[in-house]
């Protein structure tokens, strides 16, 4: 083992907070404590499901378009009845589309979405669509929000289909990015889009009611939803999906809590770890260092230094030919990227 690699492992070990489930049986499989963007704690109960689903969909979904021409003020995108006469002042059918959405108890105006939108437009001349489903996500009964993801995904697919019909936008230019429940939304959007979406990035896709219990592929994000599905795992086995379910699955710092730099009581370090996925991706957009990850059978083999070849970049620069599981270390605060480890 090289001194450089030993130093990196020591830094990683110092940055990781001790993680222990202090809440006892059922935590993580039947219920969780969830901390939202404002630091408010909610009990996420998914052991008992509502029997009457007629009232699930009682909120609107809003899609806002941002371009370099309307960098600060989003244009509301609303498909018409026949979806063929879509009018937008700013949309450019020749430019790529990147769509971003949030998870449970969050909203489109949250800092990371707005910062990601700005980073994309600073880097590329593209169309950025932010999806606000907060009227459905802002519900303390987690199953109601989880079961609404299909509706939200179908609506986003309708928006994308309408843009394609009206402006000739090619599906091959579409990249969907979602955090937590938002990742599951993007899976539905891919499934319901006309033709195949180019890429979906799942940022620590939600585990409760998708991996536990394990849903059929049509009801969760999987490789059939886009030509390339890449996943960043940061709170695997708790808030986030534990197992691989993309073409390329990235596991920074093992992909589990606690991520380096996340501290405090259990639910806060879990929420911090869950949020690291979008923080890593945001940084990757313009990083000159790069999140270099290495294909490996498991984290233990990676830690032993057995996987040193065929590095792949995690995040926005990820290449569509990547396949398998990839592991890497990060720093415990921004800038997180450590570059090539070998």
C-alpha atoms as a PDB file:
ATOM      1  CA  UNK A   1       0.000   0.000   0.000  1.00  0.00           C
ATOM      2  CA  UNK A   2       1.407   3.389  -1.007  1.00  0.00           C
ATOM      3  CA  UNK A   3       1.844   6.161   1.539  1.00  0.00           C
ATOM      4  CA  UNK A   4      -0.492   8.310  -0.551  1.00  0.00           C
ATOM      5  CA  UNK A   5      -3.274   5.741  -0.334  1.00  0.00           C
ATOM      6  CA  UNK A   6      -2.635   5.134   3.383  1.00  0.00           C
ATOM      7  CA  UNK A   7      -2.954   8.873   3.999  1.00  0.00           C
ATOM      8  CA  UNK A   8      -6.277   8.955   2.140  1.00  0.00           C
ATOM      9  CA  UNK A   9      -7.645   6.052   4.189  1.00  0.00           C
ATOM     10  CA  UNK A  10      -6.575   7.732   7.449  1.00  0.00           C
ATOM     11  CA  UNK A  11      -8.287  10.972   6.418  1.00  0.00           C
ATOM     12  CA  UNK A  12     -11.419   8.995   5.499  1.00  0.00           C
ATOM     13  CA  UNK A  13     -11.432   7.184   8.841  1.00  0.00           C
ATOM     14  CA  UNK A  14     -11.068  10.400  10.814  1.00  0.00           C
ATOM     15  CA  UNK A  15     -13.917  12.005   8.873  1.00  0.00           C
ATOM     16  CA  UNK A  16     -16.440   9.215   9.444  1.00  0.00           C
ATOM     17  CA  UNK A  17     -18.658   9.604  12.480  1.00  0.00           C
ATOM     18  CA  UNK A  18     -19.431   6.467  14.474  1.00  0.00           C
ATOM     19  CA  UNK A  19     -22.698   4.996  13.207  1.00  0.00           C
ATOM     20  CA  UNK A  20     -24.925   2.839  15.349  1.00  0.00           C
ATOM     21  CA  UNK A  21     -28.664   2.229  15.203  1.00  0.00           C
ATOM     22  CA  UNK A  22     -29.876   3.378  18.610  1.00  0.00           C
ATOM     23  CA  UNK A  23     -33.596   3.123  17.858  1.00  0.00           C
ATOM     24  CA  UNK A  24     -33.977  -0.629  18.092  1.00  0.00           C
ATOM     25  CA  UNK A  25     -36.002  -3.206  16.108  1.00  0.00           C
ATOM     26  CA  UNK A  26     -38.022  -2.043  13.140  1.00  0.00           C
ATOM     27  CA  UNK A  27     -35.944   1.057  12.492  1.00  0.00           C
ATOM     28  CA  UNK A  28     -35.028   1.099   8.816  1.00  0.00           C
ATOM     29  CA  UNK A  29     -37.477  -1.662   7.901  1.00  0.00           C
ATOM     30  CA  UNK A  30     -40.759  -0.303   9.274  1.00  0.00           C
ATOM     31  CA  UNK A  31     -40.085   3.271  10.270  1.00  0.00           C
ATOM     32  CA  UNK A  32     -37.431   5.991  10.221  1.00  0.00           C
ATOM     33  CA  UNK A  33     -36.822   9.440  11.620  1.00  0.00           C
ATOM     34  CA  UNK A  34     -36.417  11.915   8.769  1.00  0.00           C
ATOM     35  CA  UNK A  35     -34.910  15.401   8.987  1.00  0.00           C
ATOM     36  CA  UNK A  36     -36.026  17.857   6.285  1.00  0.00           C
ATOM     37  CA  UNK A  37     -34.201  20.805   4.698  1.00  0.00           C
ATOM     38  CA  UNK A  38     -35.142  23.052   7.636  1.00  0.00           C
ATOM     39  CA  UNK A  39     -33.971  20.624  10.313  1.00  0.00           C
ATOM     40  CA  UNK A  40     -37.488  19.518  11.302  1.00  0.00           C
ATOM     41  CA  UNK A  41     -37.742  15.850  12.295  1.00  0.00           C
ATOM     42  CA  UNK A  42     -40.614  13.636  11.098  1.00  0.00           C
ATOM     43  CA  UNK A  43     -41.446  10.024  11.806  1.00  0.00           C
ATOM     44  CA  UNK A  44     -41.552   8.138   8.507  1.00  0.00           C
ATOM     45  CA  UNK A  45     -43.868   5.164   9.070  1.00  0.00           C
ATOM     46  CA  UNK A  46     -44.112   2.718   6.200  1.00  0.00           C
ATOM     47  CA  UNK A  47     -45.165  -0.439   8.038  1.00  0.00           C
ATOM     48  CA  UNK A  48     -48.886   0.394   7.873  1.00  0.00           C
ATOM     49  CA  UNK A  49     -50.184   1.552   4.499  1.00  0.00           C
ATOM     50  CA  UNK A  50     -53.381   3.556   3.939  1.00  0.00           C
ATOM     51  CA  UNK A  51     -56.208   1.389   2.625  1.00  0.00           C
ATOM     52  CA  UNK A  52     -58.039   4.180   0.778  1.00  0.00           C
ATOM     53  CA  UNK A  53     -55.873   5.670  -1.980  1.00  0.00           C
ATOM     54  CA  UNK A  54     -58.557   7.848  -3.589  1.00  0.00           C
ATOM     55  CA  UNK A  55     -57.273  10.990  -1.920  1.00  0.00           C
ATOM     56  CA  UNK A  56     -53.590  10.541  -2.734  1.00  0.00           C
ATOM     57  CA  UNK A  57     -53.380  13.001  -5.614  1.00  0.00           C
ATOM     58  CA  UNK A  58     -54.543  16.352  -4.305  1.00  0.00           C
ATOM     59  CA  UNK A  59     -51.807  18.721  -5.404  1.00  0.00           C
ATOM     60  CA  UNK A  60     -50.376  20.222  -8.557  1.00  0.00           C
ATOM     61  CA  UNK A  61     -47.009  19.698 -10.189  1.00  0.00           C
ATOM     62  CA  UNK A  62     -45.098  22.681 -11.568  1.00  0.00           C
ATOM     63  CA  UNK A  63     -42.303  22.501 -14.139  1.00  0.00           C
ATOM     64  CA  UNK A  64     -40.128  25.581 -14.582  1.00  0.00           C
ATOM     65  CA  UNK A  65     -37.816  26.184 -17.526  1.00  0.00           C
ATOM     66  CA  UNK A  66     -34.531  28.039 -17.058  1.00  0.00           C
ATOM     67  CA  UNK A  67     -32.097  28.980 -19.819  1.00  0.00           C
ATOM     68  CA  UNK A  68     -29.298  31.503 -20.156  1.00  0.00           C
ATOM     69  CA  UNK A  69     -31.954  33.949 -21.357  1.00  0.00           C
ATOM     70  CA  UNK A  70     -34.051  33.581 -18.187  1.00  0.00           C
ATOM     71  CA  UNK A  71     -31.388  32.563 -15.695  1.00  0.00           C
ATOM     72  CA  UNK A  72     -33.199  33.791 -12.567  1.00  0.00           C
ATOM     73  CA  UNK A  73     -36.920  33.696 -13.389  1.00  0.00           C
ATOM     74  CA  UNK A  74     -38.267  30.301 -14.422  1.00  0.00           C
ATOM     75  CA  UNK A  75     -40.908  29.974 -17.136  1.00  0.00           C
ATOM     76  CA  UNK A  76     -43.854  27.783 -16.102  1.00  0.00           C
ATOM     77  CA  UNK A  77     -44.325  24.953 -18.587  1.00  0.00           C
ATOM     78  CA  UNK A  78     -47.916  23.775 -18.998  1.00  0.00           C
ATOM     79  CA  UNK A  79     -48.871  21.225 -21.662  1.00  0.00           C
ATOM     80  CA  UNK A  80     -52.023  21.992 -23.618  1.00  0.00           C
ATOM     81  CA  UNK A  81     -54.898  19.534 -23.901  1.00  0.00           C
ATOM     82  CA  UNK A  82     -53.618  17.841 -27.055  1.00  0.00           C
ATOM     83  CA  UNK A  83     -49.935  18.197 -26.057  1.00  0.00           C
ATOM     84  CA  UNK A  84     -49.019  19.289 -29.596  1.00  0.00           C
ATOM     85  CA  UNK A  85     -49.294  23.071 -29.341  1.00  0.00           C
ATOM     86  CA  UNK A  86     -46.775  23.867 -26.641  1.00  0.00           C
ATOM     87  CA  UNK A  87     -45.677  27.497 -26.461  1.00  0.00           C
ATOM     88  CA  UNK A  88     -42.478  28.547 -24.686  1.00  0.00           C
ATOM     89  CA  UNK A  89     -40.660  31.844 -24.963  1.00  0.00           C
ATOM     90  CA  UNK A  90     -37.276  30.410 -24.004  1.00  0.00           C
ATOM     91  CA  UNK A  91     -37.094  26.712 -24.891  1.00  0.00           C
ATOM     92  CA  UNK A  92     -34.528  25.836 -27.576  1.00  0.00           C
ATOM     93  CA  UNK A  93     -35.192  22.486 -29.240  1.00  0.00           C
ATOM     94  CA  UNK A  94     -31.573  22.289 -30.399  1.00  0.00           C
ATOM     95  CA  UNK A  95     -30.213  22.332 -26.852  1.00  0.00           C
ATOM     96  CA  UNK A  96     -29.976  19.525 -24.322  1.00  0.00           C
ATOM     97  CA  UNK A  97     -32.515  19.140 -21.523  1.00  0.00           C
ATOM     98  CA  UNK A  98     -31.628  18.497 -17.900  1.00  0.00           C
ATOM     99  CA  UNK A  99     -34.527  18.075 -15.464  1.00  0.00           C
ATOM    100  CA  UNK A 100     -34.070  18.116 -11.675  1.00  0.00           C
ATOM    101  CA  UNK A 101     -36.411  17.270  -8.824  1.00  0.00           C
ATOM    102  CA  UNK A 102     -36.473  16.934  -5.052  1.00  0.00           C
ATOM    103  CA  UNK A 103     -37.632  14.336  -2.556  1.00  0.00           C
ATOM    104  CA  UNK A 104     -40.014  14.063   0.398  1.00  0.00           C
ATOM    105  CA  UNK A 105     -40.727  17.174   2.505  1.00  0.00           C
ATOM    106  CA  UNK A 106     -38.747  19.369   0.112  1.00  0.00           C
ATOM    107  CA  UNK A 107     -39.413  21.796  -2.733  1.00  0.00           C
ATOM    108  CA  UNK A 108     -38.073  23.207  -5.993  1.00  0.00           C
ATOM    109  CA  UNK A 109     -36.749  26.355  -4.352  1.00  0.00           C
ATOM    110  CA  UNK A 110     -34.426  24.412  -2.045  1.00  0.00           C
ATOM    111  CA  UNK A 111     -30.823  25.577  -2.256  1.00  0.00           C
ATOM    112  CA  UNK A 112     -29.301  22.509  -3.892  1.00  0.00           C
ATOM    113  CA  UNK A 113     -31.744  22.533  -6.818  1.00  0.00           C
ATOM    114  CA  UNK A 114     -31.263  26.241  -7.458  1.00  0.00           C
ATOM    115  CA  UNK A 115     -27.480  25.895  -7.158  1.00  0.00           C
ATOM    116  CA  UNK A 116     -27.481  22.916  -9.516  1.00  0.00           C
ATOM    117  CA  UNK A 117     -29.558  24.851 -12.035  1.00  0.00           C
ATOM    118  CA  UNK A 118     -27.089  27.741 -11.912  1.00  0.00           C
ATOM    119  CA  UNK A 119     -24.080  25.420 -12.207  1.00  0.00           C
ATOM    120  CA  UNK A 120     -25.543  23.749 -15.294  1.00  0.00           C
ATOM    121  CA  UNK A 121     -26.313  27.054 -17.013  1.00  0.00           C
ATOM    122  CA  UNK A 122     -22.885  28.449 -16.171  1.00  0.00           C
ATOM    123  CA  UNK A 123     -21.317  25.349 -17.720  1.00  0.00           C
ATOM    124  CA  UNK A 124     -23.636  24.648 -20.675  1.00  0.00           C
ATOM    125  CA  UNK A 125     -26.059  26.446 -22.980  1.00  0.00           C
ATOM    126  CA  UNK A 126     -28.975  24.113 -22.265  1.00  0.00           C
ATOM    127  CA  UNK A 127     -32.590  23.909 -21.125  1.00  0.00           C
ATOM    128  CA  UNK A 128     -32.920  23.209 -17.388  1.00  0.00           C
ATOM    129  CA  UNK A 129     -36.308  22.104 -16.061  1.00  0.00           C
ATOM    130  CA  UNK A 130     -36.903  22.112 -12.316  1.00  0.00           C
ATOM    131  CA  UNK A 131     -39.863  20.083 -11.079  1.00  0.00           C
ATOM    132  CA  UNK A 132     -41.793  21.272  -8.030  1.00  0.00           C
ATOM    133  CA  UNK A 133     -44.088  18.616  -6.579  1.00  0.00           C
ATOM    134  CA  UNK A 134     -44.021  20.071  -3.065  1.00  0.00           C
ATOM    135  CA  UNK A 135     -47.831  20.089  -2.807  1.00  0.00           C
ATOM    136  CA  UNK A 136     -47.597  16.294  -2.830  1.00  0.00           C
ATOM    137  CA  UNK A 137     -44.189  15.900  -1.160  1.00  0.00           C
ATOM    138  CA  UNK A 138     -45.064  18.093   1.819  1.00  0.00           C
ATOM    139  CA  UNK A 139     -47.151  15.412   3.519  1.00  0.00           C
ATOM    140  CA  UNK A 140     -46.097  13.887   6.846  1.00  0.00           C
ATOM    141  CA  UNK A 141     -47.769  10.608   5.821  1.00  0.00           C
ATOM    142  CA  UNK A 142     -44.832   9.237   3.823  1.00  0.00           C
ATOM    143  CA  UNK A 143     -46.771   6.575   1.838  1.00  0.00           C
ATOM    144  CA  UNK A 144     -49.016   9.261   0.352  1.00  0.00           C
ATOM    145  CA  UNK A 145     -45.997  11.060  -1.084  1.00  0.00           C
ATOM    146  CA  UNK A 146     -44.333   7.804  -2.153  1.00  0.00           C
ATOM    147  CA  UNK A 147     -47.446   6.663  -4.010  1.00  0.00           C
ATOM    148  CA  UNK A 148     -47.694  10.082  -5.707  1.00  0.00           C
ATOM    149  CA  UNK A 149     -44.348   9.633  -7.476  1.00  0.00           C
ATOM    150  CA  UNK A 150     -45.973   7.807 -10.384  1.00  0.00           C
ATOM    151  CA  UNK A 151     -48.373  10.691 -10.998  1.00  0.00           C
ATOM    152  CA  UNK A 152     -45.538  13.234 -10.882  1.00  0.00           C
ATOM    153  CA  UNK A 153     -43.377  11.149 -13.219  1.00  0.00           C
ATOM    154  CA  UNK A 154     -46.216  10.805 -15.726  1.00  0.00           C
ATOM    155  CA  UNK A 155     -46.737  14.565 -15.656  1.00  0.00           C
ATOM    156  CA  UNK A 156     -43.052  15.268 -16.318  1.00  0.00           C
ATOM    157  CA  UNK A 157     -43.122  12.733 -19.159  1.00  0.00           C
ATOM    158  CA  UNK A 158     -46.089  14.612 -20.615  1.00  0.00           C
ATOM    159  CA  UNK A 159     -44.145  17.890 -20.466  1.00  0.00           C
ATOM    160  CA  UNK A 160     -41.135  16.321 -22.191  1.00  0.00           C
ATOM    161  CA  UNK A 161     -43.321  14.632 -24.810  1.00  0.00           C
ATOM    162  CA  UNK A 162     -45.062  17.960 -25.506  1.00  0.00           C
ATOM    163  CA  UNK A 163     -41.751  19.770 -25.944  1.00  0.00           C
ATOM    164  CA  UNK A 164     -40.595  17.106 -28.374  1.00  0.00           C
ATOM    165  CA  UNK A 165     -43.769  17.336 -30.436  1.00  0.00           C
ATOM    166  CA  UNK A 166     -43.766  21.131 -30.503  1.00  0.00           C
ATOM    167  CA  UNK A 167     -40.034  21.810 -30.920  1.00  0.00           C
ATOM    168  CA  UNK A 168     -38.541  18.582 -32.228  1.00  0.00           C
ATOM    169  CA  UNK A 169     -36.472  18.042 -29.086  1.00  0.00           C
ATOM    170  CA  UNK A 170     -34.688  14.700 -29.380  1.00  0.00           C
ATOM    171  CA  UNK A 171     -35.080  12.253 -26.502  1.00  0.00           C
ATOM    172  CA  UNK A 172     -31.358  11.562 -26.825  1.00  0.00           C
ATOM    173  CA  UNK A 173     -30.650  14.965 -25.267  1.00  0.00           C
ATOM    174  CA  UNK A 174     -32.680  14.394 -22.094  1.00  0.00           C
ATOM    175  CA  UNK A 175     -31.014  13.823 -18.704  1.00  0.00           C
ATOM    176  CA  UNK A 176     -33.272  13.402 -15.651  1.00  0.00           C
ATOM    177  CA  UNK A 177     -31.831  13.898 -12.146  1.00  0.00           C
ATOM    178  CA  UNK A 178     -33.730  13.149  -8.948  1.00  0.00           C
ATOM    179  CA  UNK A 179     -32.924  12.898  -5.256  1.00  0.00           C
ATOM    180  CA  UNK A 180     -34.567  10.327  -2.963  1.00  0.00           C
ATOM    181  CA  UNK A 181     -38.247  10.029  -3.972  1.00  0.00           C
ATOM    182  CA  UNK A 182     -37.324  12.330  -6.842  1.00  0.00           C
ATOM    183  CA  UNK A 183     -35.169   9.544  -8.279  1.00  0.00           C
ATOM    184  CA  UNK A 184     -38.202   7.255  -8.340  1.00  0.00           C
ATOM    185  CA  UNK A 185     -40.160  10.033 -10.072  1.00  0.00           C
ATOM    186  CA  UNK A 186     -37.530  10.190 -12.793  1.00  0.00           C
ATOM    187  CA  UNK A 187     -37.840   6.441 -13.278  1.00  0.00           C
ATOM    188  CA  UNK A 188     -41.550   6.849 -13.952  1.00  0.00           C
ATOM    189  CA  UNK A 189     -40.849   9.805 -16.251  1.00  0.00           C
ATOM    190  CA  UNK A 190     -38.500   7.621 -18.254  1.00  0.00           C
ATOM    191  CA  UNK A 191     -41.011   4.789 -18.391  1.00  0.00           C
ATOM    192  CA  UNK A 192     -43.836   7.020 -19.635  1.00  0.00           C
ATOM    193  CA  UNK A 193     -41.817   9.092 -22.110  1.00  0.00           C
ATOM    194  CA  UNK A 194     -42.304   8.567 -25.824  1.00  0.00           C
ATOM    195  CA  UNK A 195     -39.152   6.730 -26.816  1.00  0.00           C
ATOM    196  CA  UNK A 196     -36.191   6.108 -24.540  1.00  0.00           C
ATOM    197  CA  UNK A 197     -34.671   8.799 -22.327  1.00  0.00           C
ATOM    198  CA  UNK A 198     -30.901   9.194 -22.725  1.00  0.00           C
ATOM    199  CA  UNK A 199     -29.934   9.222 -19.046  1.00  0.00           C
ATOM    200  CA  UNK A 200     -31.361   9.136 -15.540  1.00  0.00           C
ATOM    201  CA  UNK A 201     -29.235   9.898 -12.479  1.00  0.00           C
ATOM    202  CA  UNK A 202     -30.604   8.655  -9.167  1.00  0.00           C
ATOM    203  CA  UNK A 203     -29.203  10.537  -6.186  1.00  0.00           C
ATOM    204  CA  UNK A 204     -29.574   8.124  -3.258  1.00  0.00           C
ATOM    205  CA  UNK A 205     -32.953   6.828  -4.525  1.00  0.00           C
ATOM    206  CA  UNK A 206     -35.569   6.346  -1.819  1.00  0.00           C
ATOM    207  CA  UNK A 207     -35.569   2.907  -0.215  1.00  0.00           C
ATOM    208  CA  UNK A 208     -38.792   2.756   1.868  1.00  0.00           C
ATOM    209  CA  UNK A 209     -41.678   1.293  -0.191  1.00  0.00           C
ATOM    210  CA  UNK A 210     -39.361   0.674  -3.167  1.00  0.00           C
ATOM    211  CA  UNK A 211     -36.634  -1.663  -1.902  1.00  0.00           C
ATOM    212  CA  UNK A 212     -38.428  -2.583   1.323  1.00  0.00           C
ATOM    213  CA  UNK A 213     -40.639  -4.233   0.343  1.00  0.00           C
ATOM    214  CA  UNK A 214     -38.992  -4.805  -3.037  1.00  0.00           C
ATOM    215  CA  UNK A 215     -41.328  -3.507  -5.736  1.00  0.00           C
ATOM    216  CA  UNK A 216     -41.606  -4.843  -9.266  1.00  0.00           C
ATOM    217  CA  UNK A 217     -39.339  -3.059 -11.809  1.00  0.00           C
ATOM    218  CA  UNK A 218     -42.252  -1.038 -13.220  1.00  0.00           C
ATOM    219  CA  UNK A 219     -42.701   0.585  -9.803  1.00  0.00           C
ATOM    220  CA  UNK A 220     -39.126   1.648  -9.092  1.00  0.00           C
ATOM    221  CA  UNK A 221     -36.155   3.148 -10.912  1.00  0.00           C
ATOM    222  CA  UNK A 222     -34.260   0.515 -12.890  1.00  0.00           C
ATOM    223  CA  UNK A 223     -32.175   0.085 -16.041  1.00  0.00           C
ATOM    224  CA  UNK A 224     -35.213  -0.142 -18.325  1.00  0.00           C
ATOM    225  CA  UNK A 225     -36.105   3.511 -17.700  1.00  0.00           C
ATOM    226  CA  UNK A 226     -33.271   5.069 -19.750  1.00  0.00           C
ATOM    227  CA  UNK A 227     -30.389   4.165 -22.030  1.00  0.00           C
ATOM    228  CA  UNK A 228     -28.060   4.901 -19.109  1.00  0.00           C
ATOM    229  CA  UNK A 229     -29.027   4.864 -15.434  1.00  0.00           C
ATOM    230  CA  UNK A 230     -26.351   5.889 -12.935  1.00  0.00           C
ATOM    231  CA  UNK A 231     -26.869   5.832  -9.184  1.00  0.00           C
ATOM    232  CA  UNK A 232     -24.989   7.557  -6.351  1.00  0.00           C
ATOM    233  CA  UNK A 233     -25.506   5.755  -3.019  1.00  0.00           C
ATOM    234  CA  UNK A 234     -24.788   7.694   0.186  1.00  0.00           C
ATOM    235  CA  UNK A 235     -27.296   6.473   2.797  1.00  0.00           C
ATOM    236  CA  UNK A 236     -27.781   2.919   1.611  1.00  0.00           C
ATOM    237  CA  UNK A 237     -29.935   0.662   3.762  1.00  0.00           C
ATOM    238  CA  UNK A 238     -31.580   3.574   5.602  1.00  0.00           C
ATOM    239  CA  UNK A 239     -33.064   6.423   3.525  1.00  0.00           C
ATOM    240  CA  UNK A 240     -31.454   5.261   0.297  1.00  0.00           C
ATOM    241  CA  UNK A 241     -31.457   2.152  -1.851  1.00  0.00           C
ATOM    242  CA  UNK A 242     -28.922  -0.376  -0.604  1.00  0.00           C
ATOM    243  CA  UNK A 243     -28.438  -2.621  -3.633  1.00  0.00           C
ATOM    244  CA  UNK A 244     -27.252  -1.887  -7.158  1.00  0.00           C
ATOM    245  CA  UNK A 245     -30.041  -1.106  -9.609  1.00  0.00           C
ATOM    246  CA  UNK A 246     -28.455   1.028 -12.315  1.00  0.00           C
ATOM    247  CA  UNK A 247     -26.115   0.408 -15.215  1.00  0.00           C
ATOM    248  CA  UNK A 248     -23.445   2.046 -13.045  1.00  0.00           C
ATOM    249  CA  UNK A 249     -23.747   2.282  -9.257  1.00  0.00           C
ATOM    250  CA  UNK A 250     -21.337   4.532  -7.366  1.00  0.00           C
ATOM    251  CA  UNK A 251     -20.607   3.947  -3.672  1.00  0.00           C
ATOM    252  CA  UNK A 252     -18.637   6.872  -2.199  1.00  0.00           C
ATOM    253  CA  UNK A 253     -17.265   6.000   1.249  1.00  0.00           C
ATOM    254  CA  UNK A 254     -19.051   2.615   1.075  1.00  0.00           C
ATOM    255  CA  UNK A 255     -22.374   4.216   0.096  1.00  0.00           C
ATOM    256  CA  UNK A 256     -23.675   3.980   3.665  1.00  0.00           C
ATOM    257  CA  UNK A 257     -24.032   6.298   6.657  1.00  0.00           C
ATOM    258  CA  UNK A 258     -22.239   7.968   8.166  1.00  0.00           C
ATOM    259  CA  UNK A 259     -20.621   9.812   5.290  1.00  0.00           C
ATOM    260  CA  UNK A 260     -17.394  11.672   6.201  1.00  0.00           C
ATOM    261  CA  UNK A 261     -18.176  14.944   7.926  1.00  0.00           C
ATOM    262  CA  UNK A 262     -21.709  13.909   8.968  1.00  0.00           C
ATOM    263  CA  UNK A 263     -22.101  14.067  12.732  1.00  0.00           C
ATOM    264  CA  UNK A 264     -24.678  14.415  15.486  1.00  0.00           C
ATOM    265  CA  UNK A 265     -27.579  12.272  16.630  1.00  0.00           C
ATOM    266  CA  UNK A 266     -28.451   9.318  14.439  1.00  0.00           C
ATOM    267  CA  UNK A 267     -31.253  10.870  12.397  1.00  0.00           C
ATOM    268  CA  UNK A 268     -29.183  13.983  11.646  1.00  0.00           C
ATOM    269  CA  UNK A 269     -26.128  12.111  10.421  1.00  0.00           C
ATOM    270  CA  UNK A 270     -28.448   9.942   8.288  1.00  0.00           C
ATOM    271  CA  UNK A 271     -30.072  13.029   6.755  1.00  0.00           C
ATOM    272  CA  UNK A 272     -26.630  14.535   6.181  1.00  0.00           C
ATOM    273  CA  UNK A 273     -25.468  11.325   4.485  1.00  0.00           C
ATOM    274  CA  UNK A 274     -28.617  11.227   2.336  1.00  0.00           C
ATOM    275  CA  UNK A 275     -27.952  14.773   1.162  1.00  0.00           C
ATOM    276  CA  UNK A 276     -24.335  14.070   0.266  1.00  0.00           C
ATOM    277  CA  UNK A 277     -25.532  12.477  -2.996  1.00  0.00           C
ATOM    278  CA  UNK A 278     -26.777  15.775  -4.423  1.00  0.00           C
ATOM    279  CA  UNK A 279     -23.800  17.642  -2.950  1.00  0.00           C
ATOM    280  CA  UNK A 280     -21.355  15.318  -4.712  1.00  0.00           C
ATOM    281  CA  UNK A 281     -23.246  15.570  -7.989  1.00  0.00           C
ATOM    282  CA  UNK A 282     -23.467  19.366  -7.794  1.00  0.00           C
ATOM    283  CA  UNK A 283     -19.731  19.659  -7.221  1.00  0.00           C
ATOM    284  CA  UNK A 284     -18.999  17.280 -10.107  1.00  0.00           C
ATOM    285  CA  UNK A 285     -20.546  19.626 -12.681  1.00  0.00           C
ATOM    286  CA  UNK A 286     -17.568  21.988 -12.758  1.00  0.00           C
ATOM    287  CA  UNK A 287     -14.977  20.085 -10.714  1.00  0.00           C
ATOM    288  CA  UNK A 288     -11.439  20.200 -12.087  1.00  0.00           C
ATOM    289  CA  UNK A 289     -10.365  17.509  -9.589  1.00  0.00           C
ATOM    290  CA  UNK A 290     -12.977  14.886 -10.361  1.00  0.00           C
ATOM    291  CA  UNK A 291     -14.630  12.090  -8.407  1.00  0.00           C
ATOM    292  CA  UNK A 292     -12.598   9.139  -9.682  1.00  0.00           C
ATOM    293  CA  UNK A 293     -14.211   5.804  -8.795  1.00  0.00           C
ATOM    294  CA  UNK A 294     -12.948   2.283  -9.345  1.00  0.00           C
ATOM    295  CA  UNK A 295     -14.810  -0.884 -10.373  1.00  0.00           C
ATOM    296  CA  UNK A 296     -14.682  -3.436  -7.589  1.00  0.00           C
ATOM    297  CA  UNK A 297     -16.623  -6.401  -6.215  1.00  0.00           C
ATOM    298  CA  UNK A 298     -17.199  -4.767  -2.837  1.00  0.00           C
ATOM    299  CA  UNK A 299     -16.033  -2.075  -0.422  1.00  0.00           C
ATOM    300  CA  UNK A 300     -13.707  -4.372   1.524  1.00  0.00           C
ATOM    301  CA  UNK A 301     -11.767  -5.295  -1.609  1.00  0.00           C
ATOM    302  CA  UNK A 302     -11.530  -1.619  -2.518  1.00  0.00           C
ATOM    303  CA  UNK A 303     -10.251  -0.717   0.949  1.00  0.00           C
ATOM    304  CA  UNK A 304      -7.583  -3.401   0.636  1.00  0.00           C
ATOM    305  CA  UNK A 305      -6.341  -1.694  -2.525  1.00  0.00           C
ATOM    306  CA  UNK A 306      -7.296  -4.564  -4.816  1.00  0.00           C
ATOM    307  CA  UNK A 307      -9.102  -2.372  -7.372  1.00  0.00           C
ATOM    308  CA  UNK A 308      -6.834   0.167  -9.025  1.00  0.00           C
ATOM    309  CA  UNK A 309      -7.679   0.113 -12.719  1.00  0.00           C
ATOM    310  CA  UNK A 310     -10.283   1.449 -15.134  1.00  0.00           C
ATOM    311  CA  UNK A 311     -11.227   4.550 -13.149  1.00  0.00           C
ATOM    312  CA  UNK A 312     -14.562   6.170 -13.953  1.00  0.00           C
ATOM    313  CA  UNK A 313     -15.802   9.649 -13.131  1.00  0.00           C
ATOM    314  CA  UNK A 314     -18.815   9.854 -10.828  1.00  0.00           C
ATOM    315  CA  UNK A 315     -21.437  12.562 -11.240  1.00  0.00           C
ATOM    316  CA  UNK A 316     -22.308  14.689 -14.233  1.00  0.00           C
ATOM    317  CA  UNK A 317     -19.246  13.600 -16.309  1.00  0.00           C
ATOM    318  CA  UNK A 318     -20.104   9.882 -15.935  1.00  0.00           C
ATOM    319  CA  UNK A 319     -19.859   8.074 -19.276  1.00  0.00           C
ATOM    320  CA  UNK A 320     -22.762   6.048 -20.626  1.00  0.00           C
ATOM    321  CA  UNK A 321     -20.607   2.967 -21.247  1.00  0.00           C
ATOM    322  CA  UNK A 322     -19.844   2.495 -17.527  1.00  0.00           C
ATOM    323  CA  UNK A 323     -21.177  -0.776 -16.133  1.00  0.00           C
ATOM    324  CA  UNK A 324     -21.026  -2.275 -12.648  1.00  0.00           C
ATOM    325  CA  UNK A 325     -20.267  -1.075  -9.124  1.00  0.00           C
ATOM    326  CA  UNK A 326     -17.708   1.670  -8.467  1.00  0.00           C
ATOM    327  CA  UNK A 327     -16.114   2.760  -5.185  1.00  0.00           C
ATOM    328  CA  UNK A 328     -14.268   5.878  -4.056  1.00  0.00           C
ATOM    329  CA  UNK A 329     -13.332   8.063  -1.103  1.00  0.00           C
ATOM    330  CA  UNK A 330     -14.265  11.711  -0.666  1.00  0.00           C
ATOM    331  CA  UNK A 331     -13.170  14.471   1.683  1.00  0.00           C
ATOM    332  CA  UNK A 332     -15.374  15.319   4.639  1.00  0.00           C
ATOM    333  CA  UNK A 333     -16.398  18.740   3.335  1.00  0.00           C
ATOM    334  CA  UNK A 334     -16.543  20.692   0.087  1.00  0.00           C
ATOM    335  CA  UNK A 335     -14.575  20.470  -2.054  1.00  0.00           C
ATOM    336  CA  UNK A 336     -15.271  16.754  -1.672  1.00  0.00           C
ATOM    337  CA  UNK A 337     -13.500  15.389  -4.755  1.00  0.00           C
ATOM    338  CA  UNK A 338     -10.119  13.738  -4.195  1.00  0.00           C
ATOM    339  CA  UNK A 339      -9.133  13.070  -7.799  1.00  0.00           C
ATOM    340  CA  UNK A 340      -7.345   9.890  -8.795  1.00  0.00           C
ATOM    341  CA  UNK A 341      -6.521   7.701  -5.775  1.00  0.00           C
ATOM    342  CA  UNK A 342      -3.793   5.627  -7.437  1.00  0.00           C
END
